[in-house]
PDB file of all heavy atoms in Angstrom:
ATOM      1  N   ALA A   1      41.904 157.895  12.813  1.00  0.00           N
ATOM      2  CA  ALA A   1      40.805 157.553  13.712  1.00  0.00           C
ATOM      3  C   ALA A   1      40.536 156.058  13.775  1.00  0.00           C
ATOM      4  O   ALA A   1      39.869 155.582  14.684  1.00  0.00           O
ATOM      5  CB  ALA A   1      39.537 158.286  13.262  1.00  0.00           C
ATOM      6  N   PHE A   2      41.063 155.299  12.790  1.00  0.00           N
ATOM      7  CA  PHE A   2      40.809 153.859  12.772  1.00  0.00           C
ATOM      8  C   PHE A   2      41.803 153.086  13.636  1.00  0.00           C
ATOM      9  O   PHE A   2      41.677 151.889  13.794  1.00  0.00           O
ATOM     10  CB  PHE A   2      40.860 153.331  11.330  1.00  0.00           C
ATOM     11  CG  PHE A   2      39.759 153.886  10.473  1.00  0.00           C
ATOM     12  CD1 PHE A   2      40.004 154.959   9.639  1.00  0.00           C
ATOM     13  CD2 PHE A   2      38.484 153.361  10.529  1.00  0.00           C
ATOM     14  CE1 PHE A   2      38.985 155.477   8.855  1.00  0.00           C
ATOM     15  CE2 PHE A   2      37.467 153.867   9.746  1.00  0.00           C
ATOM     16  CZ  PHE A   2      37.725 154.932   8.909  1.00  0.00           C
ATOM     17  N   GLU A   3      42.839 153.767  14.160  1.00  0.00           N
ATOM     18  CA  GLU A   3      43.787 153.085  15.012  1.00  0.00           C
ATOM     19  C   GLU A   3      43.118 152.684  16.321  1.00  0.00           C
ATOM     20  O   GLU A   3      42.259 153.388  16.850  1.00  0.00           O
ATOM     21  CB  GLU A   3      44.996 153.988  15.294  1.00  0.00           C
ATOM     22  CG  GLU A   3      45.926 154.141  14.097  1.00  0.00           C
ATOM     23  CD  GLU A   3      47.166 154.926  14.469  1.00  0.00           C
ATOM     24  OE1 GLU A   3      47.222 155.459  15.584  1.00  0.00           O
ATOM     25  OE2 GLU A   3      48.072 155.010  13.640  1.00  0.00           O
ATOM     26  N   LYS A   4      43.536 151.553  16.867  1.00  0.00           N
ATOM     27  CA  LYS A   4      42.967 151.051  18.098  1.00  0.00           C
ATOM     28  C   LYS A   4      43.441 151.879  19.280  1.00  0.00           C
ATOM     29  O   LYS A   4      44.628 152.124  19.438  1.00  0.00           O
ATOM     30  CB  LYS A   4      43.378 149.583  18.272  1.00  0.00           C
ATOM     31  CG  LYS A   4      42.729 148.895  19.460  1.00  0.00           C
ATOM     32  CD  LYS A   4      43.202 147.462  19.527  1.00  0.00           C
ATOM     33  CE  LYS A   4      42.605 146.751  20.740  1.00  0.00           C
ATOM     34  NZ  LYS A   4      43.093 145.367  20.845  1.00  0.00           N
ATOM     35  N   GLY A   5      42.522 152.352  20.111  1.00  0.00           N
ATOM     36  CA  GLY A   5      42.877 153.139  21.271  1.00  0.00           C
ATOM     37  C   GLY A   5      43.473 152.272  22.367  1.00  0.00           C
ATOM     38  O   GLY A   5      43.405 151.048  22.337  1.00  0.00           O
ATOM     39  N   VAL A   6      44.077 152.933  23.356  1.00  0.00           N
ATOM     40  CA  VAL A   6      44.689 152.236  24.480  1.00  0.00           C
ATOM     41  C   VAL A   6      43.651 152.116  25.594  1.00  0.00           C
ATOM     42  O   VAL A   6      43.146 153.118  26.096  1.00  0.00           O
ATOM     43  CB  VAL A   6      45.932 152.992  24.987  1.00  0.00           C
ATOM     44  CG1 VAL A   6      46.551 152.262  26.170  1.00  0.00           C
ATOM     45  CG2 VAL A   6      46.948 153.140  23.863  1.00  0.00           C
ATOM     46  N   LYS A   7      43.332 150.893  25.971  1.00  0.00           N
ATOM     47  CA  LYS A   7      42.357 150.644  27.021  1.00  0.00           C
ATOM     48  C   LYS A   7      43.059 150.450  28.362  1.00  0.00           C
ATOM     49  O   LYS A   7      44.262 150.188  28.417  1.00  0.00           O
ATOM     50  CB  LYS A   7      41.525 149.403  26.683  1.00  0.00           C
ATOM     51  CG  LYS A   7      40.711 149.541  25.404  1.00  0.00           C
ATOM     52  CD  LYS A   7      39.918 148.276  25.119  1.00  0.00           C
ATOM     53  CE  LYS A   7      39.114 148.410  23.835  1.00  0.00           C
ATOM     54  NZ  LYS A   7      38.364 147.179  23.519  1.00  0.00           N
ATOM     55  N   LEU A   8      42.274 150.573  29.424  1.00  0.00           N
ATOM     56  CA  LEU A   8      42.825 150.391  30.764  1.00  0.00           C
ATOM     57  C   LEU A   8      43.401 148.989  30.943  1.00  0.00           C
ATOM     58  O   LEU A   8      44.403 148.798  31.637  1.00  0.00           O
ATOM     59  CB  LEU A   8      41.730 150.650  31.805  1.00  0.00           C
ATOM     60  CG  LEU A   8      42.200 150.839  33.251  1.00  0.00           C
ATOM     61  CD1 LEU A   8      43.080 152.075  33.367  1.00  0.00           C
ATOM     62  CD2 LEU A   8      41.013 150.944  34.186  1.00  0.00           C
ATOM     63  N   LYS A   9      42.781 148.013  30.293  1.00  0.00           N
ATOM     64  CA  LYS A   9      43.290 146.644  30.364  1.00  0.00           C
ATOM     65  C   LYS A   9      44.693 146.542  29.769  1.00  0.00           C
ATOM     66  O   LYS A   9      45.552 145.814  30.296  1.00  0.00           O
ATOM     67  CB  LYS A   9      42.332 145.702  29.626  1.00  0.00           C
ATOM     68  CG  LYS A   9      42.689 144.237  29.740  1.00  0.00           C
ATOM     69  CD  LYS A   9      41.664 143.366  29.036  1.00  0.00           C
ATOM     70  CE  LYS A   9      42.020 141.890  29.138  1.00  0.00           C
ATOM     71  NZ  LYS A   9      41.020 141.038  28.434  1.00  0.00           N
ATOM     72  N   ASP A  10      44.944 147.266  28.665  1.00  0.00           N
ATOM     73  CA  ASP A  10      46.274 147.271  28.056  1.00  0.00           C
ATOM     74  C   ASP A  10      47.312 147.850  29.015  1.00  0.00           C
ATOM     75  O   ASP A  10      48.429 147.333  29.126  1.00  0.00           O
ATOM     76  CB  ASP A  10      46.266 148.090  26.756  1.00  0.00           C
ATOM     77  CG  ASP A  10      45.317 147.523  25.716  1.00  0.00           C
ATOM     78  OD1 ASP A  10      45.213 146.289  25.645  1.00  0.00           O
ATOM     79  OD2 ASP A  10      44.683 148.304  24.994  1.00  0.00           O
ATOM     80  N   ILE A  11      46.942 148.939  29.716  1.00  0.00           N
ATOM     81  CA  ILE A  11      47.852 149.566  30.683  1.00  0.00           C
ATOM     82  C   ILE A  11      48.139 148.607  31.837  1.00  0.00           C
ATOM     83  O   ILE A  11      49.274 148.508  32.320  1.00  0.00           O
ATOM     84  CB  ILE A  11      47.255 150.880  31.213  1.00  0.00           C
ATOM     85  CG1 ILE A  11      46.940 151.845  30.065  1.00  0.00           C
ATOM     86  CG2 ILE A  11      48.211 151.538  32.200  1.00  0.00           C
ATOM     87  CD1 ILE A  11      48.127 152.386  29.356  1.00  0.00           C
ATOM     88  N   ALA A  12      47.099 147.897  32.293  1.00  0.00           N
ATOM     89  CA  ALA A  12      47.272 146.952  33.400  1.00  0.00           C
ATOM     90  C   ALA A  12      48.239 145.829  33.026  1.00  0.00           C
ATOM     91  O   ALA A  12      49.138 145.480  33.801  1.00  0.00           O
ATOM     92  CB  ALA A  12      45.914 146.371  33.800  1.00  0.00           C
ATOM     93  N   ILE A  13      48.063 145.267  31.826  1.00  0.00           N
ATOM     94  CA  ILE A  13      48.951 144.187  31.366  1.00  0.00           C
ATOM     95  C   ILE A  13      50.376 144.699  31.222  1.00  0.00           C
ATOM     96  O   ILE A  13      51.344 144.037  31.639  1.00  0.00           O
ATOM     97  CB  ILE A  13      48.436 143.612  30.031  1.00  0.00           C
ATOM     98  CG1 ILE A  13      47.081 142.920  30.238  1.00  0.00           C
ATOM     99  CG2 ILE A  13      49.447 142.645  29.431  1.00  0.00           C
ATOM    100  CD1 ILE A  13      46.392 142.509  28.958  1.00  0.00           C
ATOM    101  N   MET A  14      50.523 145.895  30.646  1.00  0.00           N
ATOM    102  CA  MET A  14      51.850 146.477  30.466  1.00  0.00           C
ATOM    103  C   MET A  14      52.536 146.715  31.812  1.00  0.00           C
ATOM    104  O   MET A  14      53.727 146.412  31.979  1.00  0.00           O
ATOM    105  CB  MET A  14      51.729 147.792  29.690  1.00  0.00           C
ATOM    106  CG  MET A  14      53.050 148.487  29.400  1.00  0.00           C
ATOM    107  SD  MET A  14      53.637 149.598  30.714  1.00  0.00           S
ATOM    108  CE  MET A  14      52.410 150.897  30.618  1.00  0.00           C
ATOM    109  N   SER A  15      51.793 147.229  32.798  1.00  0.00           N
ATOM    110  CA  SER A  15      52.363 147.491  34.127  1.00  0.00           C
ATOM    111  C   SER A  15      52.812 146.190  34.787  1.00  0.00           C
ATOM    112  O   SER A  15      53.886 146.130  35.401  1.00  0.00           O
ATOM    113  CB  SER A  15      51.329 148.195  35.012  1.00  0.00           C
ATOM    114  OG  SER A  15      50.908 149.410  34.442  1.00  0.00           O
ATOM    115  N   ARG A  16      51.992 145.151  34.659  1.00  0.00           N
ATOM    116  CA  ARG A  16      52.336 143.855  35.251  1.00  0.00           C
ATOM    117  C   ARG A  16      53.608 143.290  34.605  1.00  0.00           C
ATOM    118  O   ARG A  16      54.507 142.794  35.298  1.00  0.00           O
ATOM    119  CB  ARG A  16      51.170 142.885  35.062  1.00  0.00           C
ATOM    120  CG  ARG A  16      51.393 141.494  35.606  1.00  0.00           C
ATOM    121  CD  ARG A  16      51.319 141.484  37.121  1.00  0.00           C
ATOM    122  NE  ARG A  16      49.969 141.793  37.581  1.00  0.00           N
ATOM    123  CZ  ARG A  16      49.667 142.068  38.844  1.00  0.00           C
ATOM    124  NH1 ARG A  16      50.618 142.082  39.754  1.00  0.00           N
ATOM    125  NH2 ARG A  16      48.415 142.346  39.194  1.00  0.00           N
ATOM    126  N   GLN A  17      53.694 143.360  33.277  1.00  0.00           N
ATOM    127  CA  GLN A  17      54.867 142.827  32.583  1.00  0.00           C
ATOM    128  C   GLN A  17      56.121 143.630  32.917  1.00  0.00           C
ATOM    129  O   GLN A  17      57.198 143.059  33.129  1.00  0.00           O
ATOM    130  CB  GLN A  17      54.616 142.830  31.074  1.00  0.00           C
ATOM    131  CG  GLN A  17      53.539 141.843  30.636  1.00  0.00           C
ATOM    132  CD  GLN A  17      53.196 141.980  29.165  1.00  0.00           C
ATOM    133  OE1 GLN A  17      53.393 143.041  28.566  1.00  0.00           O
ATOM    134  NE2 GLN A  17      52.655 140.923  28.576  1.00  0.00           N
ATOM    135  N   LEU A  18      55.994 144.957  32.976  1.00  0.00           N
ATOM    136  CA  LEU A  18      57.143 145.807  33.291  1.00  0.00           C
ATOM    137  C   LEU A  18      57.635 145.540  34.709  1.00  0.00           C
ATOM    138  O   LEU A  18      58.849 145.452  34.950  1.00  0.00           O
ATOM    139  CB  LEU A  18      56.764 147.280  33.123  1.00  0.00           C
ATOM    140  CG  LEU A  18      57.884 148.305  33.299  1.00  0.00           C
ATOM    141  CD1 LEU A  18      59.020 148.040  32.320  1.00  0.00           C
ATOM    142  CD2 LEU A  18      57.340 149.724  33.103  1.00  0.00           C
ATOM    143  N   ALA A  19      56.694 145.383  35.658  1.00  0.00           N
ATOM    144  CA  ALA A  19      57.066 145.081  37.041  1.00  0.00           C
ATOM    145  C   ALA A  19      57.794 143.741  37.133  1.00  0.00           C
ATOM    146  O   ALA A  19      58.802 143.615  37.851  1.00  0.00           O
ATOM    147  CB  ALA A  19      55.817 145.066  37.923  1.00  0.00           C
ATOM    148  N   THR A  20      57.306 142.748  36.399  1.00  0.00           N
ATOM    149  CA  THR A  20      57.928 141.417  36.423  1.00  0.00           C
ATOM    150  C   THR A  20      59.344 141.455  35.874  1.00  0.00           C
ATOM    151  O   THR A  20      60.268 140.852  36.460  1.00  0.00           O
ATOM    152  CB  THR A  20      57.077 140.426  35.601  1.00  0.00           C
ATOM    153  OG1 THR A  20      55.758 140.382  36.142  1.00  0.00           O
ATOM    154  CG2 THR A  20      57.677 139.030  35.640  1.00  0.00           C
ATOM    155  N   MET A  21      59.554 142.171  34.774  1.00  0.00           N
ATOM    156  CA  MET A  21      60.880 142.230  34.164  1.00  0.00           C
ATOM    157  C   MET A  21      61.864 142.999  35.034  1.00  0.00           C
ATOM    158  O   MET A  21      63.028 142.610  35.162  1.00  0.00           O
ATOM    159  CB  MET A  21      60.787 142.859  32.768  1.00  0.00           C
ATOM    160  CG  MET A  21      60.185 141.914  31.728  1.00  0.00           C
ATOM    161  SD  MET A  21      60.304 142.540  30.032  1.00  0.00           S
ATOM    162  CE  MET A  21      58.969 143.725  30.024  1.00  0.00           C
ATOM    163  N   ILE A  22      61.402 144.095  35.664  1.00  0.00           N
ATOM    164  CA  ILE A  22      62.293 144.868  36.540  1.00  0.00           C
ATOM    165  C   ILE A  22      62.656 144.051  37.778  1.00  0.00           C
ATOM    166  O   ILE A  22      63.807 144.036  38.218  1.00  0.00           O
ATOM    167  CB  ILE A  22      61.624 146.207  36.922  1.00  0.00           C
ATOM    168  CG1 ILE A  22      61.553 147.114  35.694  1.00  0.00           C
ATOM    169  CG2 ILE A  22      62.401 146.896  38.041  1.00  0.00           C
ATOM    170  CD1 ILE A  22      60.809 148.401  35.930  1.00  0.00           C
ATOM    171  N   ALA A  23      61.667 143.338  38.340  1.00  0.00           N
ATOM    172  CA  ALA A  23      61.937 142.488  39.505  1.00  0.00           C
ATOM    173  C   ALA A  23      62.901 141.349  39.157  1.00  0.00           C
ATOM    174  O   ALA A  23      63.649 140.873  40.025  1.00  0.00           O
ATOM    175  CB  ALA A  23      60.627 141.919  40.049  1.00  0.00           C
ATOM    176  N   ALA A  24      62.883 140.915  37.884  1.00  0.00           N
ATOM    177  CA  ALA A  24      63.774 139.833  37.445  1.00  0.00           C
ATOM    178  C   ALA A  24      65.193 140.321  37.165  1.00  0.00           C
ATOM    179  O   ALA A  24      66.071 139.506  36.853  1.00  0.00           O
ATOM    180  CB  ALA A  24      63.206 139.175  36.197  1.00  0.00           C
ATOM    181  N   GLY A  25      65.416 141.633  37.252  1.00  0.00           N
ATOM    182  CA  GLY A  25      66.760 142.169  37.088  1.00  0.00           C
ATOM    183  C   GLY A  25      67.055 142.798  35.745  1.00  0.00           C
ATOM    184  O   GLY A  25      68.185 143.236  35.499  1.00  0.00           O
ATOM    185  N   LEU A  26      66.076 142.869  34.853  1.00  0.00           N
ATOM    186  CA  LEU A  26      66.294 143.517  33.558  1.00  0.00           C
ATOM    187  C   LEU A  26      66.386 145.023  33.756  1.00  0.00           C
ATOM    188  O   LEU A  26      65.730 145.590  34.629  1.00  0.00           O
ATOM    189  CB  LEU A  26      65.164 143.192  32.580  1.00  0.00           C
ATOM    190  CG  LEU A  26      65.305 141.911  31.750  1.00  0.00           C
ATOM    191  CD1 LEU A  26      65.088 140.687  32.628  1.00  0.00           C
ATOM    192  CD2 LEU A  26      64.288 141.924  30.600  1.00  0.00           C
ATOM    193  N   SER A  27      67.185 145.675  32.926  1.00  0.00           N
ATOM    194  CA  SER A  27      67.272 147.129  32.993  1.00  0.00           C
ATOM    195  C   SER A  27      65.973 147.742  32.491  1.00  0.00           C
ATOM    196  O   SER A  27      65.230 147.127  31.709  1.00  0.00           O
ATOM    197  CB  SER A  27      68.450 147.626  32.156  1.00  0.00           C
ATOM    198  OG  SER A  27      68.194 147.410  30.771  1.00  0.00           O
ATOM    199  N   LEU A  28      65.711 148.952  32.942  1.00  0.00           N
ATOM    200  CA  LEU A  28      64.479 149.634  32.549  1.00  0.00           C
ATOM    201  C   LEU A  28      64.420 149.850  31.041  1.00  0.00           C
ATOM    202  O   LEU A  28      63.366 149.638  30.411  1.00  0.00           O
ATOM    203  CB  LEU A  28      64.371 150.977  33.285  1.00  0.00           C
ATOM    204  CG  LEU A  28      63.122 151.819  32.997  1.00  0.00           C
ATOM    205  CD1 LEU A  28      61.851 151.041  33.338  1.00  0.00           C
ATOM    206  CD2 LEU A  28      63.170 153.131  33.777  1.00  0.00           C
ATOM    207  N   LEU A  29      65.547 150.230  30.437  1.00  0.00           N
ATOM    208  CA  LEU A  29      65.576 150.462  28.986  1.00  0.00           C
ATOM    209  C   LEU A  29      65.271 149.184  28.218  1.00  0.00           C
ATOM    210  O   LEU A  29      64.505 149.197  27.249  1.00  0.00           O
ATOM    211  CB  LEU A  29      66.944 151.004  28.569  1.00  0.00           C
ATOM    212  CG  LEU A  29      67.196 152.497  28.798  1.00  0.00           C
ATOM    213  CD1 LEU A  29      68.636 152.838  28.467  1.00  0.00           C
ATOM    214  CD2 LEU A  29      66.237 153.337  27.952  1.00  0.00           C
ATOM    215  N   ARG A  30      65.864 148.109  28.653  1.00  0.00           N
ATOM    216  CA  ARG A  30      65.641 146.844  27.957  1.00  0.00           C
ATOM    217  C   ARG A  30      64.190 146.385  28.118  1.00  0.00           C
ATOM    218  O   ARG A  30      63.570 145.898  27.170  1.00  0.00           O
ATOM    219  CB  ARG A  30      66.601 145.791  28.504  1.00  0.00           C
ATOM    220  CG  ARG A  30      66.560 144.483  27.734  1.00  0.00           C
ATOM    221  CD  ARG A  30      67.588 143.531  28.284  1.00  0.00           C
ATOM    222  NE  ARG A  30      67.444 142.198  27.716  1.00  0.00           N
ATOM    223  CZ  ARG A  30      68.010 141.115  28.225  1.00  0.00           C
ATOM    224  NH1 ARG A  30      68.763 141.222  29.302  1.00  0.00           N
ATOM    225  NH2 ARG A  30      67.838 139.944  27.669  1.00  0.00           N
ATOM    226  N   ALA A  31      63.649 146.535  29.321  1.00  0.00           N
ATOM    227  CA  ALA A  31      62.256 146.147  29.564  1.00  0.00           C
ATOM    228  C   ALA A  31      61.302 146.958  28.702  1.00  0.00           C
ATOM    229  O   ALA A  31      60.364 146.417  28.109  1.00  0.00           O
ATOM    230  CB  ALA A  31      61.918 146.320  31.045  1.00  0.00           C
ATOM    231  N   LEU A  32      61.547 148.260  28.613  1.00  0.00           N
ATOM    232  CA  LEU A  32      60.692 149.116  27.785  1.00  0.00           C
ATOM    233  C   LEU A  32      60.821 148.749  26.310  1.00  0.00           C
ATOM    234  O   LEU A  32      59.828 148.779  25.563  1.00  0.00           O
ATOM    235  CB  LEU A  32      61.068 150.589  27.994  1.00  0.00           C
ATOM    236  CG  LEU A  32      60.663 151.202  29.336  1.00  0.00           C
ATOM    237  CD1 LEU A  32      61.290 152.580  29.500  1.00  0.00           C
ATOM    238  CD2 LEU A  32      59.139 151.304  29.442  1.00  0.00           C
ATOM    239  N   SER A  33      62.023 148.411  25.874  1.00  0.00           N
ATOM    240  CA  SER A  33      62.239 148.019  24.478  1.00  0.00           C
ATOM    241  C   SER A  33      61.481 146.741  24.147  1.00  0.00           C
ATOM    242  O   SER A  33      60.840 146.636  23.087  1.00  0.00           O
ATOM    243  CB  SER A  33      63.733 147.829  24.222  1.00  0.00           C
ATOM    244  OG  SER A  33      63.948 147.373  22.900  1.00  0.00           O
ATOM    245  N   ILE A  34      61.526 145.771  25.047  1.00  0.00           N
ATOM    246  CA  ILE A  34      60.814 144.502  24.829  1.00  0.00           C
ATOM    247  C   ILE A  34      59.307 144.740  24.773  1.00  0.00           C
ATOM    248  O   ILE A  34      58.611 144.220  23.896  1.00  0.00           O
ATOM    249  CB  ILE A  34      61.170 143.493  25.936  1.00  0.00           C
ATOM    250  CG1 ILE A  34      62.640 143.086  25.829  1.00  0.00           C
ATOM    251  CG2 ILE A  34      60.271 142.269  25.854  1.00  0.00           C
ATOM    252  CD1 ILE A  34      63.140 142.262  26.996  1.00  0.00           C
ATOM    253  N   LEU A  35      58.789 145.555  25.714  1.00  0.00           N
ATOM    254  CA  LEU A  35      57.352 145.842  25.733  1.00  0.00           C
ATOM    255  C   LEU A  35      56.917 146.580  24.475  1.00  0.00           C
ATOM    256  O   LEU A  35      55.863 146.296  23.909  1.00  0.00           O
ATOM    257  CB  LEU A  35      57.003 146.672  26.974  1.00  0.00           C
ATOM    258  CG  LEU A  35      56.969 145.934  28.310  1.00  0.00           C
ATOM    259  CD1 LEU A  35      56.728 146.915  29.447  1.00  0.00           C
ATOM    260  CD2 LEU A  35      55.882 144.868  28.298  1.00  0.00           C
ATOM    261  N   ALA A  36      57.723 147.559  24.040  1.00  0.00           N
ATOM    262  CA  ALA A  36      57.369 148.346  22.853  1.00  0.00           C
ATOM    263  C   ALA A  36      57.281 147.480  21.604  1.00  0.00           C
ATOM    264  O   ALA A  36      56.438 147.711  20.734  1.00  0.00           O
ATOM    265  CB  ALA A  36      58.385 149.464  22.647  1.00  0.00           C
ATOM    266  N   SER A  37      58.137 146.469  21.518  1.00  0.00           N
ATOM    267  CA  SER A  37      58.163 145.636  20.316  1.00  0.00           C
ATOM    268  C   SER A  37      57.147 144.499  20.360  1.00  0.00           C
ATOM    269  O   SER A  37      56.750 143.982  19.316  1.00  0.00           O
ATOM    270  CB  SER A  37      59.565 145.060  20.115  1.00  0.00           C
ATOM    271  OG  SER A  37      59.928 144.235  21.214  1.00  0.00           O
ATOM    272  N   GLN A  38      56.721 144.108  21.564  1.00  0.00           N
ATOM    273  CA  GLN A  38      55.878 142.920  21.671  1.00  0.00           C
ATOM    274  C   GLN A  38      54.416 143.223  21.994  1.00  0.00           C
ATOM    275  O   GLN A  38      53.586 142.327  21.863  1.00  0.00           O
ATOM    276  CB  GLN A  38      56.449 141.981  22.741  1.00  0.00           C
ATOM    277  CG  GLN A  38      57.792 141.382  22.352  1.00  0.00           C
ATOM    278  CD  GLN A  38      58.286 140.362  23.361  1.00  0.00           C
ATOM    279  OE1 GLN A  38      57.689 140.169  24.413  1.00  0.00           O
ATOM    280  NE2 GLN A  38      59.370 139.691  23.037  1.00  0.00           N
ATOM    281  N   THR A  39      54.095 144.423  22.439  1.00  0.00           N
ATOM    282  CA  THR A  39      52.702 144.718  22.773  1.00  0.00           C
ATOM    283  C   THR A  39      51.827 144.660  21.532  1.00  0.00           C
ATOM    284  O   THR A  39      52.238 145.072  20.436  1.00  0.00           O
ATOM    285  CB  THR A  39      52.586 146.100  23.446  1.00  0.00           C
ATOM    286  OG1 THR A  39      51.237 146.321  23.820  1.00  0.00           O
ATOM    287  CG2 THR A  39      53.017 147.213  22.498  1.00  0.00           C
ATOM    288  N   GLU A  40      50.626 144.117  21.684  1.00  0.00           N
ATOM    289  CA  GLU A  40      49.718 143.958  20.549  1.00  0.00           C
ATOM    290  C   GLU A  40      49.106 145.288  20.122  1.00  0.00           C
ATOM    291  O   GLU A  40      48.768 145.477  18.961  1.00  0.00           O
ATOM    292  CB  GLU A  40      48.610 142.968  20.903  1.00  0.00           C
ATOM    293  CG  GLU A  40      49.113 141.539  21.116  1.00  0.00           C
ATOM    294  CD  GLU A  40      47.986 140.581  21.452  1.00  0.00           C
ATOM    295  OE1 GLU A  40      46.828 141.034  21.501  1.00  0.00           O
ATOM    296  OE2 GLU A  40      48.256 139.393  21.663  1.00  0.00           O
ATOM    297  N   ASN A  41      48.932 146.213  21.074  1.00  0.00           N
ATOM    298  CA  ASN A  41      48.338 147.508  20.769  1.00  0.00           C
ATOM    299  C   ASN A  41      49.400 148.420  20.161  1.00  0.00           C
ATOM    300  O   ASN A  41      50.371 148.788  20.821  1.00  0.00           O
ATOM    301  CB  ASN A  41      47.758 148.126  22.052  1.00  0.00           C
ATOM    302  CG  ASN A  41      46.939 149.372  21.776  1.00  0.00           C
ATOM    303  OD1 ASN A  41      47.454 150.382  21.313  1.00  0.00           O
ATOM    304  ND2 ASN A  41      45.657 149.301  22.066  1.00  0.00           N
ATOM    305  N   LYS A  42      49.230 148.776  18.882  1.00  0.00           N
ATOM    306  CA  LYS A  42      50.237 149.546  18.164  1.00  0.00           C
ATOM    307  C   LYS A  42      50.408 150.948  18.751  1.00  0.00           C
ATOM    308  O   LYS A  42      51.525 151.473  18.806  1.00  0.00           O
ATOM    309  CB  LYS A  42      49.869 149.649  16.674  1.00  0.00           C
ATOM    310  CG  LYS A  42      49.782 148.300  15.970  1.00  0.00           C
ATOM    311  CD  LYS A  42      51.091 147.543  16.042  1.00  0.00           C
ATOM    312  CE  LYS A  42      51.007 146.202  15.314  1.00  0.00           C
ATOM    313  NZ  LYS A  42      52.258 145.417  15.487  1.00  0.00           N
ATOM    314  N   THR A  43      49.301 151.559  19.188  1.00  0.00           N
ATOM    315  CA  THR A  43      49.391 152.897  19.769  1.00  0.00           C
ATOM    316  C   THR A  43      50.210 152.868  21.053  1.00  0.00           C
ATOM    317  O   THR A  43      51.085 153.717  21.276  1.00  0.00           O
ATOM    318  CB  THR A  43      47.980 153.446  20.065  1.00  0.00           C
ATOM    319  OG1 THR A  43      47.202 153.430  18.863  1.00  0.00           O
ATOM    320  CG2 THR A  43      48.053 154.869  20.592  1.00  0.00           C
ATOM    321  N   LEU A  44      49.933 151.886  21.901  1.00  0.00           N
ATOM    322  CA  LEU A  44      50.695 151.748  23.143  1.00  0.00           C
ATOM    323  C   LEU A  44      52.152 151.414  22.839  1.00  0.00           C
ATOM    324  O   LEU A  44      53.068 151.909  23.518  1.00  0.00           O
ATOM    325  CB  LEU A  44      50.063 150.670  24.029  1.00  0.00           C
ATOM    326  CG  LEU A  44      50.741 150.421  25.384  1.00  0.00           C
ATOM    327  CD1 LEU A  44      50.780 151.698  26.215  1.00  0.00           C
ATOM    328  CD2 LEU A  44      50.019 149.314  26.138  1.00  0.00           C
TER     329      LEU A  44
END
């Protein structure tokens, strides 16, 4: 219960970053891997 929940702001930032990486030509798998390792929210 002490883990930080996922807020709408976190989803918005993640969507923006994923869109930018896909538009830049990165593969979906690679973009998701980068987001998973770099996002500050551990649950997300």
